[in-house]
Amino acid sequence: MTMARNGGRTWAIVLAGGDGTRLAALTEAVHGRPVPKQFATVTGDRSMVQATLDRVARIVPPERTVIVIGRAHLAWARAQLGAYTATTLVQPASRGTATAILYALTWIRLRERDANVLVFPSDHHVENVTRFVEAVRIADEAARALGKLTVVGVSPEAGDPDYGWIVAGAPVAPACCSLECFVEKPGAEVALRLHACGGLWNTFILAAPASLVAELARRHLPEHARRFDALDRFAFAPGAPDLDELYAAIEPADFSKHVLETARDLLVVSMEGTGWSDWGTPERVLASLQGTPAETLLRARLDGG
């Protein structure tokens, strides 16, 4: 895609603060003890968050990458992230994806006001990293050139009702369409219809000007935005009183539900041929590894072998 570039540099936000309870049976079978899913090594020798950071490093340099973790996960983070030079921000408590994004966004904008940001969950599996990188770069370019929040969607393999879906509209740029609406975890019948009419799975990989994300937060989550706007840069240390007070005072907020689903004028880029999967449940993990030795090993461990 050839587009005029504008604004500041691109930064990455990696969300690694969730508890991942739905994958607990699998991670415990693999590790012999409960492990937060993003810190679990399901296949190979890299945990999910390490694999995410390895992919992100092909798009954004580590010095412009921010990882958001929970205070309860500090021991795992110290063991696994020590070799990475990305910045780690520690949340006092889990308050949902919107809060985690605003935490990182505030930290980034104190350093580069005109930044563009990419948001990555840390529980995804990707087989073809080259094609993944290409799609995310297209989303980044679209967000920069058109000044809009851009979501990466993926062509579905089936009418899975457990995924969030996206309905794309008219093309607005090469490989980029307007986003008509989100359909969050539809029933099986609706999912099949969405699949048949070209709907996309929502990966929750996002690209946007940082200023736009801040404005969307002010519009759709005004109390969260007000509190983060008031933070100064000295609050960004683990255990800082202002941050603890902020997290104690606010309600959990989901960025998809509270911002994306009510926002207007968004874009979507379709990602093809990456072997992408959201590893949120044992069933998805096993389905994405179907027919491989890794699937056989995981099934044996889940069966107590």
C-alpha atoms as a PDB file:
ATOM      1  CA  MET A   1       0.000   0.000   0.000  1.00  0.00           C
ATOM      2  CA  THR A   2       1.394   3.403  -0.907  1.00  0.00           C
ATOM      3  CA  MET A   3       0.097   6.169   1.313  1.00  0.00           C
ATOM      4  CA  ALA A   4       1.341   9.489   2.601  1.00  0.00           C
ATOM      5  CA  ARG A   5       2.845   9.102   6.050  1.00  0.00           C
ATOM      6  CA  ASN A   6       2.097  11.561   8.821  1.00  0.00           C
ATOM      7  CA  GLY A   7       2.299  11.890  12.575  1.00  0.00           C
ATOM      8  CA  GLY A   8       4.861  10.416  14.921  1.00  0.00           C
ATOM      9  CA  ARG A   9       6.449   7.021  15.090  1.00  0.00           C
ATOM     10  CA  THR A  10       4.592   3.762  15.645  1.00  0.00           C
ATOM     11  CA  TRP A  11       4.544   2.239  19.124  1.00  0.00           C
ATOM     12  CA  ALA A  12       3.262  -1.199  20.147  1.00  0.00           C
ATOM     13  CA  ILE A  13       1.085  -2.079  23.139  1.00  0.00           C
ATOM     14  CA  VAL A  14       1.110  -5.761  24.136  1.00  0.00           C
ATOM     15  CA  LEU A  15      -1.743  -6.740  26.461  1.00  0.00           C
ATOM     16  CA  ALA A  16      -0.510  -9.421  28.867  1.00  0.00           C
ATOM     17  CA  GLY A  17      -2.470  -8.737  32.025  1.00  0.00           C
ATOM     18  CA  GLY A  18      -5.390 -11.177  31.831  1.00  0.00           C
ATOM     19  CA  ASP A  19      -5.886 -14.296  33.927  1.00  0.00           C
ATOM     20  CA  GLY A  20      -6.899 -16.633  31.084  1.00  0.00           C
ATOM     21  CA  THR A  21      -9.028 -18.910  33.235  1.00  0.00           C
ATOM     22  CA  ARG A  22     -10.649 -20.688  30.268  1.00  0.00           C
ATOM     23  CA  LEU A  23      -7.275 -22.151  29.266  1.00  0.00           C
ATOM     24  CA  ALA A  24      -6.362 -23.180  32.815  1.00  0.00           C
ATOM     25  CA  ALA A  25      -6.932 -26.912  32.313  1.00  0.00           C
ATOM     26  CA  LEU A  26      -4.547 -27.008  29.359  1.00  0.00           C
ATOM     27  CA  THR A  27      -1.813 -24.843  30.865  1.00  0.00           C
ATOM     28  CA  GLU A  28      -1.892 -26.846  34.095  1.00  0.00           C
ATOM     29  CA  ALA A  29      -1.683 -30.094  32.112  1.00  0.00           C
ATOM     30  CA  VAL A  30       1.378 -28.771  30.260  1.00  0.00           C
ATOM     31  CA  HIS A  31       3.201 -27.209  33.214  1.00  0.00           C
ATOM     32  CA  GLY A  32       1.953 -29.313  36.112  1.00  0.00           C
ATOM     33  CA  ARG A  33       0.725 -26.196  37.924  1.00  0.00           C
ATOM     34  CA  PRO A  34      -1.529 -23.226  37.169  1.00  0.00           C
ATOM     35  CA  VAL A  35       0.172 -20.729  34.842  1.00  0.00           C
ATOM     36  CA  PRO A  36      -1.438 -17.575  33.373  1.00  0.00           C
ATOM     37  CA  LYS A  37      -2.033 -18.462  29.735  1.00  0.00           C
ATOM     38  CA  GLN A  38       0.122 -15.689  28.278  1.00  0.00           C
ATOM     39  CA  PHE A  39       3.110 -17.067  30.215  1.00  0.00           C
ATOM     40  CA  ALA A  40       2.388 -20.691  29.270  1.00  0.00           C
ATOM     41  CA  THR A  41       4.540 -22.561  26.743  1.00  0.00           C
ATOM     42  CA  VAL A  42       1.979 -24.646  24.884  1.00  0.00           C
ATOM     43  CA  THR A  43       4.230 -25.715  21.999  1.00  0.00           C
ATOM     44  CA  GLY A  44       7.925 -25.271  21.270  1.00  0.00           C
ATOM     45  CA  ASP A  45      10.140 -23.354  23.687  1.00  0.00           C
ATOM     46  CA  ARG A  46       8.449 -19.930  23.731  1.00  0.00           C
ATOM     47  CA  SER A  47       5.548 -18.818  25.870  1.00  0.00           C
ATOM     48  CA  MET A  48       2.641 -17.053  24.204  1.00  0.00           C
ATOM     49  CA  VAL A  49       3.797 -13.617  25.337  1.00  0.00           C
ATOM     50  CA  GLN A  50       7.354 -14.330  24.168  1.00  0.00           C
ATOM     51  CA  ALA A  51       6.069 -15.445  20.760  1.00  0.00           C
ATOM     52  CA  THR A  52       3.957 -12.279  20.588  1.00  0.00           C
ATOM     53  CA  LEU A  53       6.952 -10.067  21.369  1.00  0.00           C
ATOM     54  CA  ASP A  54       9.031 -11.880  18.753  1.00  0.00           C
ATOM     55  CA  ARG A  55       6.371 -11.108  16.117  1.00  0.00           C
ATOM     56  CA  VAL A  56       5.946  -7.518  17.245  1.00  0.00           C
ATOM     57  CA  ALA A  57       9.720  -6.938  17.032  1.00  0.00           C
ATOM     58  CA  ARG A  58       9.465  -7.444  13.265  1.00  0.00           C
ATOM     59  CA  ILE A  59       7.163  -4.403  13.083  1.00  0.00           C
ATOM     60  CA  VAL A  60       8.082  -2.109  15.978  1.00  0.00           C
ATOM     61  CA  PRO A  61      11.478  -1.906  17.719  1.00  0.00           C
ATOM     62  CA  PRO A  62      11.636  -2.987  21.391  1.00  0.00           C
ATOM     63  CA  GLU A  63      12.374   0.555  22.575  1.00  0.00           C
ATOM     64  CA  ARG A  64       8.901   1.550  21.326  1.00  0.00           C
ATOM     65  CA  THR A  65       7.108  -1.524  22.677  1.00  0.00           C
ATOM     66  CA  VAL A  66       5.128  -1.449  25.936  1.00  0.00           C
ATOM     67  CA  ILE A  67       3.947  -4.620  27.693  1.00  0.00           C
ATOM     68  CA  VAL A  68       1.091  -4.332  30.201  1.00  0.00           C
ATOM     69  CA  ILE A  69       1.062  -7.035  32.884  1.00  0.00           C
ATOM     70  CA  GLY A  70      -0.689  -7.573  36.212  1.00  0.00           C
ATOM     71  CA  ARG A  71       1.063  -7.224  39.554  1.00  0.00           C
ATOM     72  CA  ALA A  72       0.031 -10.800  40.359  1.00  0.00           C
ATOM     73  CA  HIS A  73       2.115 -12.010  37.388  1.00  0.00           C
ATOM     74  CA  LEU A  74       5.388 -10.298  38.287  1.00  0.00           C
ATOM     75  CA  ALA A  75       7.234 -13.549  39.003  1.00  0.00           C
ATOM     76  CA  TRP A  76       6.402 -14.981  35.568  1.00  0.00           C
ATOM     77  CA  ALA A  77       7.214 -11.685  33.864  1.00  0.00           C
ATOM     78  CA  ARG A  78      10.613 -11.446  35.541  1.00  0.00           C
ATOM     79  CA  ALA A  79      11.444 -15.002  34.523  1.00  0.00           C
ATOM     80  CA  GLN A  80      10.377 -14.618  30.893  1.00  0.00           C
ATOM     81  CA  LEU A  81      10.800 -10.968  29.916  1.00  0.00           C
ATOM     82  CA  GLY A  82      14.257 -10.232  31.279  1.00  0.00           C
ATOM     83  CA  ALA A  83      15.891 -10.690  27.872  1.00  0.00           C
ATOM     84  CA  TYR A  84      13.503  -8.189  26.249  1.00  0.00           C
ATOM     85  CA  THR A  85      14.251  -4.475  26.239  1.00  0.00           C
ATOM     86  CA  ALA A  86      10.614  -3.461  25.861  1.00  0.00           C
ATOM     87  CA  THR A  87       9.061  -1.405  28.673  1.00  0.00           C
ATOM     88  CA  THR A  88       6.916  -3.361  31.140  1.00  0.00           C
ATOM     89  CA  LEU A  89       4.060  -1.512  32.850  1.00  0.00           C
ATOM     90  CA  VAL A  90       2.582  -3.191  35.930  1.00  0.00           C
ATOM     91  CA  GLN A  91      -1.129  -2.829  36.648  1.00  0.00           C
ATOM     92  CA  PRO A  92      -2.117  -2.894  40.336  1.00  0.00           C
ATOM     93  CA  ALA A  93      -5.203  -4.938  39.397  1.00  0.00           C
ATOM     94  CA  SER A  94      -7.039  -6.208  36.346  1.00  0.00           C
ATOM     95  CA  ARG A  95      -9.583  -3.676  35.105  1.00  0.00           C
ATOM     96  CA  GLY A  96     -10.200  -4.890  31.558  1.00  0.00           C
ATOM     97  CA  THR A  97      -8.635  -4.235  28.183  1.00  0.00           C
ATOM     98  CA  ALA A  98      -9.743  -0.597  27.934  1.00  0.00           C
ATOM     99  CA  THR A  99      -7.986   0.283  31.184  1.00  0.00           C
ATOM    100  CA  ALA A 100      -4.812  -1.539  30.127  1.00  0.00           C
ATOM    101  CA  ILE A 101      -4.781   0.268  26.777  1.00  0.00           C
ATOM    102  CA  LEU A 102      -5.295   3.667  28.417  1.00  0.00           C
ATOM    103  CA  TYR A 103      -2.502   2.958  30.906  1.00  0.00           C
ATOM    104  CA  ALA A 104      -0.034   2.214  28.104  1.00  0.00           C
ATOM    105  CA  LEU A 105      -1.392   5.004  25.904  1.00  0.00           C
ATOM    106  CA  THR A 106      -0.871   7.595  28.632  1.00  0.00           C
ATOM    107  CA  TRP A 107       2.714   6.429  29.154  1.00  0.00           C
ATOM    108  CA  ILE A 108       3.420   6.559  25.404  1.00  0.00           C
ATOM    109  CA  ARG A 109       1.871  10.003  24.851  1.00  0.00           C
ATOM    110  CA  LEU A 110       3.980  11.493  27.631  1.00  0.00           C
ATOM    111  CA  ARG A 111       6.953  10.539  25.458  1.00  0.00           C
ATOM    112  CA  GLU A 112       5.590  11.031  21.946  1.00  0.00           C
ATOM    113  CA  ARG A 113       2.384  13.013  21.668  1.00  0.00           C
ATOM    114  CA  ASP A 114       1.776  12.276  17.985  1.00  0.00           C
ATOM    115  CA  ALA A 115       2.486   8.550  18.132  1.00  0.00           C
ATOM    116  CA  ASN A 116       0.609   5.920  16.182  1.00  0.00           C
ATOM    117  CA  VAL A 117      -0.158   2.829  18.253  1.00  0.00           C
ATOM    118  CA  LEU A 118      -0.602  -0.852  17.481  1.00  0.00           C
ATOM    119  CA  VAL A 119      -2.394  -3.029  20.043  1.00  0.00           C
ATOM    120  CA  PHE A 120      -1.678  -6.766  20.285  1.00  0.00           C
ATOM    121  CA  PRO A 121      -3.251  -9.391  22.544  1.00  0.00           C
ATOM    122  CA  SER A 122      -0.691 -11.887  23.855  1.00  0.00           C
ATOM    123  CA  ASP A 123      -2.650 -15.133  23.479  1.00  0.00           C
ATOM    124  CA  HIS A 124      -2.609 -15.557  19.691  1.00  0.00           C
ATOM    125  CA  HIS A 125      -1.070 -18.305  17.578  1.00  0.00           C
ATOM    126  CA  VAL A 126       0.327 -17.409  14.143  1.00  0.00           C
ATOM    127  CA  GLU A 127       1.858 -19.875  11.698  1.00  0.00           C
ATOM    128  CA  ASN A 128       2.880 -17.563   8.845  1.00  0.00           C
ATOM    129  CA  VAL A 129       4.551 -14.623  10.565  1.00  0.00           C
ATOM    130  CA  THR A 130       5.602 -12.966   7.293  1.00  0.00           C
ATOM    131  CA  ARG A 131       2.004 -12.577   6.127  1.00  0.00           C
ATOM    132  CA  PHE A 132       0.966 -11.505   9.622  1.00  0.00           C
ATOM    133  CA  VAL A 133       3.558  -8.715   9.565  1.00  0.00           C
ATOM    134  CA  GLU A 134       2.389  -7.589   6.116  1.00  0.00           C
ATOM    135  CA  ALA A 135      -1.237  -7.286   7.266  1.00  0.00           C
ATOM    136  CA  VAL A 136      -0.374  -5.368  10.437  1.00  0.00           C
ATOM    137  CA  ARG A 137       1.810  -2.960   8.462  1.00  0.00           C
ATOM    138  CA  ILE A 138      -1.083  -2.308   6.084  1.00  0.00           C
ATOM    139  CA  ALA A 139      -3.306  -1.520   9.082  1.00  0.00           C
ATOM    140  CA  ASP A 140      -0.659   0.816  10.504  1.00  0.00           C
ATOM    141  CA  GLU A 141      -0.332   2.656   7.179  1.00  0.00           C
ATOM    142  CA  ALA A 142      -4.114   2.983   6.845  1.00  0.00           C
ATOM    143  CA  ALA A 143      -4.468   4.370  10.368  1.00  0.00           C
ATOM    144  CA  ARG A 144      -1.699   6.896   9.683  1.00  0.00           C
ATOM    145  CA  ALA A 145      -2.885   8.009   6.271  1.00  0.00           C
ATOM    146  CA  LEU A 146      -6.610   8.167   6.979  1.00  0.00           C
ATOM    147  CA  GLY A 147      -6.496   9.077  10.672  1.00  0.00           C
ATOM    148  CA  LYS A 148      -8.887   6.304  11.667  1.00  0.00           C
ATOM    149  CA  LEU A 149      -8.844   3.371  14.031  1.00  0.00           C
ATOM    150  CA  THR A 150      -8.194   0.250  11.969  1.00  0.00           C
ATOM    151  CA  VAL A 151      -8.991  -3.292  13.094  1.00  0.00           C
ATOM    152  CA  VAL A 152      -7.280  -6.378  11.691  1.00  0.00           C
ATOM    153  CA  GLY A 153      -9.815  -9.051  10.757  1.00  0.00           C
ATOM    154  CA  VAL A 154      -9.109 -12.560   9.547  1.00  0.00           C
ATOM    155  CA  SER A 155     -10.942 -14.691   7.004  1.00  0.00           C
ATOM    156  CA  PRO A 156     -12.715 -17.371   9.041  1.00  0.00           C
ATOM    157  CA  GLU A 157     -12.221 -21.081   8.607  1.00  0.00           C
ATOM    158  CA  ALA A 158     -15.727 -21.863   9.856  1.00  0.00           C
ATOM    159  CA  GLY A 159     -18.850 -20.278  11.312  1.00  0.00           C
ATOM    160  CA  ASP A 160     -17.463 -20.256  14.863  1.00  0.00           C
ATOM    161  CA  PRO A 161     -19.994 -18.601  17.228  1.00  0.00           C
ATOM    162  CA  ASP A 162     -17.381 -18.039  19.965  1.00  0.00           C
ATOM    163  CA  TYR A 163     -15.415 -15.453  17.989  1.00  0.00           C
ATOM    164  CA  GLY A 164     -16.309 -11.809  17.635  1.00  0.00           C
ATOM    165  CA  TRP A 165     -17.192 -11.025  14.016  1.00  0.00           C
ATOM    166  CA  ILE A 166     -16.768  -7.997  11.756  1.00  0.00           C
ATOM    167  CA  VAL A 167     -18.909  -7.007   8.790  1.00  0.00           C
ATOM    168  CA  ALA A 168     -16.786  -5.100   6.270  1.00  0.00           C
ATOM    169  CA  GLY A 169     -18.178  -2.403   4.009  1.00  0.00           C
ATOM    170  CA  ALA A 170     -16.899  -0.650   0.907  1.00  0.00           C
ATOM    171  CA  PRO A 171     -13.185  -0.471   0.038  1.00  0.00           C
ATOM    172  CA  VAL A 172     -11.581   2.838   1.029  1.00  0.00           C
ATOM    173  CA  ALA A 173      -7.945   2.036   0.187  1.00  0.00           C
ATOM    174  CA  PRO A 174      -5.991  -0.947  -1.146  1.00  0.00           C
ATOM    175  CA  ALA A 175      -6.628  -3.947   1.155  1.00  0.00           C
ATOM    176  CA  CYS A 176      -8.687  -1.757   3.502  1.00  0.00           C
ATOM    177  CA  CYS A 177     -12.476  -1.384   3.892  1.00  0.00           C
ATOM    178  CA  SER A 178     -14.861   0.583   6.026  1.00  0.00           C
ATOM    179  CA  LEU A 179     -16.089  -1.337   9.068  1.00  0.00           C
ATOM    180  CA  GLU A 180     -19.865  -1.639   9.067  1.00  0.00           C
ATOM    181  CA  CYS A 181     -20.464  -3.322  12.417  1.00  0.00           C
ATOM    182  CA  PHE A 182     -19.278  -5.786  15.054  1.00  0.00           C
ATOM    183  CA  VAL A 183     -21.225  -8.915  15.952  1.00  0.00           C
ATOM    184  CA  GLU A 184     -19.932 -10.168  19.290  1.00  0.00           C
ATOM    185  CA  LYS A 185     -20.120 -13.956  19.744  1.00  0.00           C
ATOM    186  CA  PRO A 186     -23.285 -14.631  17.724  1.00  0.00           C
ATOM    187  CA  GLY A 187     -25.266 -17.838  17.907  1.00  0.00           C
ATOM    188  CA  ALA A 188     -24.349 -20.725  15.619  1.00  0.00           C
ATOM    189  CA  GLU A 189     -26.952 -19.865  12.967  1.00  0.00           C
ATOM    190  CA  VAL A 190     -25.888 -16.215  12.723  1.00  0.00           C
ATOM    191  CA  ALA A 191     -22.207 -17.226  12.646  1.00  0.00           C
ATOM    192  CA  LEU A 192     -22.860 -19.503   9.685  1.00  0.00           C
ATOM    193  CA  ARG A 193     -24.608 -16.666   7.844  1.00  0.00           C
ATOM    194  CA  LEU A 194     -21.746 -14.289   8.611  1.00  0.00           C
ATOM    195  CA  HIS A 195     -19.280 -16.856   7.310  1.00  0.00           C
ATOM    196  CA  ALA A 196     -21.296 -17.335   4.128  1.00  0.00           C
ATOM    197  CA  CYS A 197     -21.496 -13.591   3.399  1.00  0.00           C
ATOM    198  CA  GLY A 198     -17.794 -12.862   3.920  1.00  0.00           C
ATOM    199  CA  GLY A 199     -17.705 -11.799   7.556  1.00  0.00           C
ATOM    200  CA  LEU A 200     -14.350 -11.671   9.326  1.00  0.00           C
ATOM    201  CA  TRP A 201     -13.171 -12.782  12.731  1.00  0.00           C
ATOM    202  CA  ASN A 202     -12.120  -9.903  14.981  1.00  0.00           C
ATOM    203  CA  THR A 203      -8.494 -10.405  16.072  1.00  0.00           C
ATOM    204  CA  PHE A 204      -8.529  -7.338  18.365  1.00  0.00           C
ATOM    205  CA  ILE A 205      -5.269  -6.258  16.745  1.00  0.00           C
ATOM    206  CA  LEU A 206      -5.694  -2.500  16.377  1.00  0.00           C
ATOM    207  CA  ALA A 207      -3.910   0.407  14.714  1.00  0.00           C
ATOM    208  CA  ALA A 208      -4.710   4.051  15.377  1.00  0.00           C
ATOM    209  CA  PRO A 209      -3.302   7.500  16.033  1.00  0.00           C
ATOM    210  CA  ALA A 210      -2.773   7.705  19.799  1.00  0.00           C
ATOM    211  CA  SER A 211      -4.677  11.000  19.898  1.00  0.00           C
ATOM    212  CA  LEU A 212      -7.711   9.308  18.332  1.00  0.00           C
ATOM    213  CA  VAL A 213      -7.712   6.495  20.909  1.00  0.00           C
ATOM    214  CA  ALA A 214      -7.568   9.123  23.656  1.00  0.00           C
ATOM    215  CA  GLU A 215     -10.475  11.010  22.066  1.00  0.00           C
ATOM    216  CA  LEU A 216     -12.555   7.826  21.728  1.00  0.00           C
ATOM    217  CA  ALA A 217     -11.916   7.091  25.402  1.00  0.00           C
ATOM    218  CA  ARG A 218     -13.072  10.597  26.381  1.00  0.00           C
ATOM    219  CA  ARG A 219     -16.234  10.074  24.357  1.00  0.00           C
ATOM    220  CA  HIS A 220     -17.120   6.536  25.434  1.00  0.00           C
ATOM    221  CA  LEU A 221     -15.308   6.111  28.784  1.00  0.00           C
ATOM    222  CA  PRO A 222     -15.135   9.664  30.136  1.00  0.00           C
ATOM    223  CA  GLU A 223     -14.338   8.774  33.755  1.00  0.00           C
ATOM    224  CA  HIS A 224     -11.485   6.460  32.762  1.00  0.00           C
ATOM    225  CA  ALA A 225     -10.118   9.061  30.363  1.00  0.00           C
ATOM    226  CA  ARG A 226     -10.331  11.841  32.950  1.00  0.00           C
ATOM    227  CA  ARG A 227      -8.362   9.861  35.523  1.00  0.00           C
ATOM    228  CA  PHE A 228      -5.629   8.800  33.101  1.00  0.00           C
ATOM    229  CA  ASP A 229      -5.364  12.327  31.674  1.00  0.00           C
ATOM    230  CA  ALA A 230      -4.607  13.550  35.199  1.00  0.00           C
ATOM    231  CA  LEU A 231      -1.692  11.183  35.733  1.00  0.00           C
ATOM    232  CA  ASP A 232       1.763  12.640  35.429  1.00  0.00           C
ATOM    233  CA  ARG A 233       4.812  10.717  34.301  1.00  0.00           C
ATOM    234  CA  PHE A 234       6.042  10.147  37.865  1.00  0.00           C
ATOM    235  CA  ALA A 235       3.100   7.856  38.573  1.00  0.00           C
ATOM    236  CA  PHE A 236       4.510   5.198  36.265  1.00  0.00           C
ATOM    237  CA  ALA A 237       6.372   3.127  38.828  1.00  0.00           C
ATOM    238  CA  PRO A 238       5.107  -0.129  40.397  1.00  0.00           C
ATOM    239  CA  GLY A 239       3.234   0.671  43.585  1.00  0.00           C
ATOM    240  CA  ALA A 240       2.944   4.415  42.973  1.00  0.00           C
ATOM    241  CA  PRO A 241       0.055   5.766  45.104  1.00  0.00           C
ATOM    242  CA  ASP A 242      -1.663   7.654  42.295  1.00  0.00           C
ATOM    243  CA  LEU A 243      -1.852   4.554  40.128  1.00  0.00           C
ATOM    244  CA  ASP A 244      -3.115   2.360  42.974  1.00  0.00           C
ATOM    245  CA  GLU A 245      -5.790   4.920  43.778  1.00  0.00           C
ATOM    246  CA  LEU A 246      -6.806   5.179  40.128  1.00  0.00           C
ATOM    247  CA  TYR A 247      -7.207   1.427  39.741  1.00  0.00           C
ATOM    248  CA  ALA A 248      -9.113   1.144  43.020  1.00  0.00           C
ATOM    249  CA  ALA A 249     -11.564   3.832  41.926  1.00  0.00           C
ATOM    250  CA  ILE A 250     -12.490   2.739  38.396  1.00  0.00           C
ATOM    251  CA  GLU A 251     -14.745  -0.016  37.127  1.00  0.00           C
ATOM    252  CA  PRO A 252     -13.500  -2.686  34.695  1.00  0.00           C
ATOM    253  CA  ALA A 253     -13.977  -1.681  31.059  1.00  0.00           C
ATOM    254  CA  ASP A 254     -13.697  -3.744  27.898  1.00  0.00           C
ATOM    255  CA  PHE A 255     -12.322  -1.855  24.884  1.00  0.00           C
ATOM    256  CA  SER A 256     -14.329  -3.909  22.382  1.00  0.00           C
ATOM    257  CA  LYS A 257     -17.638  -3.537  24.207  1.00  0.00           C
ATOM    258  CA  HIS A 258     -17.319  -0.012  25.565  1.00  0.00           C
ATOM    259  CA  VAL A 259     -15.420   1.678  22.728  1.00  0.00           C
ATOM    260  CA  LEU A 260     -15.233  -0.247  19.453  1.00  0.00           C
ATOM    261  CA  GLU A 261     -18.847  -1.423  19.331  1.00  0.00           C
ATOM    262  CA  THR A 262     -20.177   2.099  19.854  1.00  0.00           C
ATOM    263  CA  ALA A 263     -17.570   4.010  17.821  1.00  0.00           C
ATOM    264  CA  ARG A 264     -18.176   5.084  14.235  1.00  0.00           C
ATOM    265  CA  ASP A 265     -16.040   5.527  11.129  1.00  0.00           C
ATOM    266  CA  LEU A 266     -13.652   2.628  11.719  1.00  0.00           C
ATOM    267  CA  LEU A 267     -11.676   0.633   9.144  1.00  0.00           C
ATOM    268  CA  VAL A 268     -10.835  -3.045   8.767  1.00  0.00           C
ATOM    269  CA  VAL A 269      -7.924  -4.809   7.065  1.00  0.00           C
ATOM    270  CA  SER A 270      -8.397  -8.473   6.169  1.00  0.00           C
ATOM    271  CA  MET A 271      -5.520 -10.784   7.086  1.00  0.00           C
ATOM    272  CA  GLU A 272      -5.181 -13.873   4.897  1.00  0.00           C
ATOM    273  CA  GLY A 273      -3.150 -17.080   5.030  1.00  0.00           C
ATOM    274  CA  THR A 274      -1.522 -16.627   8.432  1.00  0.00           C
ATOM    275  CA  GLY A 275      -2.882 -19.660  10.280  1.00  0.00           C
ATOM    276  CA  TRP A 276      -4.063 -17.245  12.978  1.00  0.00           C
ATOM    277  CA  SER A 277      -5.961 -18.478  16.025  1.00  0.00           C
ATOM    278  CA  ASP A 278      -6.999 -16.930  19.320  1.00  0.00           C
ATOM    279  CA  TRP A 279      -5.770 -19.457  21.883  1.00  0.00           C
ATOM    280  CA  GLY A 280      -8.416 -18.594  24.450  1.00  0.00           C
ATOM    281  CA  THR A 281      -9.728 -22.126  24.977  1.00  0.00           C
ATOM    282  CA  PRO A 282      -8.309 -25.673  24.832  1.00  0.00           C
ATOM    283  CA  GLU A 283     -10.627 -26.426  21.924  1.00  0.00           C
ATOM    284  CA  ARG A 284      -9.164 -23.620  19.801  1.00  0.00           C
ATOM    285  CA  VAL A 285      -5.607 -24.659  20.624  1.00  0.00           C
ATOM    286  CA  LEU A 286      -6.265 -28.263  19.630  1.00  0.00           C
ATOM    287  CA  ALA A 287      -8.156 -27.253  16.476  1.00  0.00           C
ATOM    288  CA  SER A 288      -5.305 -25.044  15.260  1.00  0.00           C
ATOM    289  CA  LEU A 289      -2.777 -27.841  15.882  1.00  0.00           C
ATOM    290  CA  GLN A 290      -4.931 -30.564  14.314  1.00  0.00           C
ATOM    291  CA  GLY A 291      -2.923 -33.351  12.704  1.00  0.00           C
ATOM    292  CA  THR A 292       0.404 -32.293  14.217  1.00  0.00           C
ATOM    293  CA  PRO A 293       2.573 -34.077  16.815  1.00  0.00           C
ATOM    294  CA  ALA A 294       1.888 -31.136  19.138  1.00  0.00           C
ATOM    295  CA  GLU A 295      -1.832 -31.952  19.101  1.00  0.00           C
ATOM    296  CA  THR A 296      -1.144 -35.591  19.988  1.00  0.00           C
ATOM    297  CA  LEU A 297       1.102 -34.573  22.879  1.00  0.00           C
ATOM    298  CA  LEU A 298      -1.366 -32.034  24.242  1.00  0.00           C
ATOM    299  CA  ARG A 299      -4.278 -34.491  24.099  1.00  0.00           C
ATOM    300  CA  ALA A 300      -2.209 -37.062  25.965  1.00  0.00           C
ATOM    301  CA  ARG A 301      -1.373 -34.531  28.678  1.00  0.00           C
ATOM    302  CA  LEU A 302      -4.988 -33.438  28.991  1.00  0.00           C
ATOM    303  CA  ASP A 303      -5.960 -37.094  29.371  1.00  0.00           C
ATOM    304  CA  GLY A 304      -3.421 -37.472  32.158  1.00  0.00           C
ATOM    305  CA  GLY A 305      -0.766 -39.220  30.071  1.00  0.00           C
END
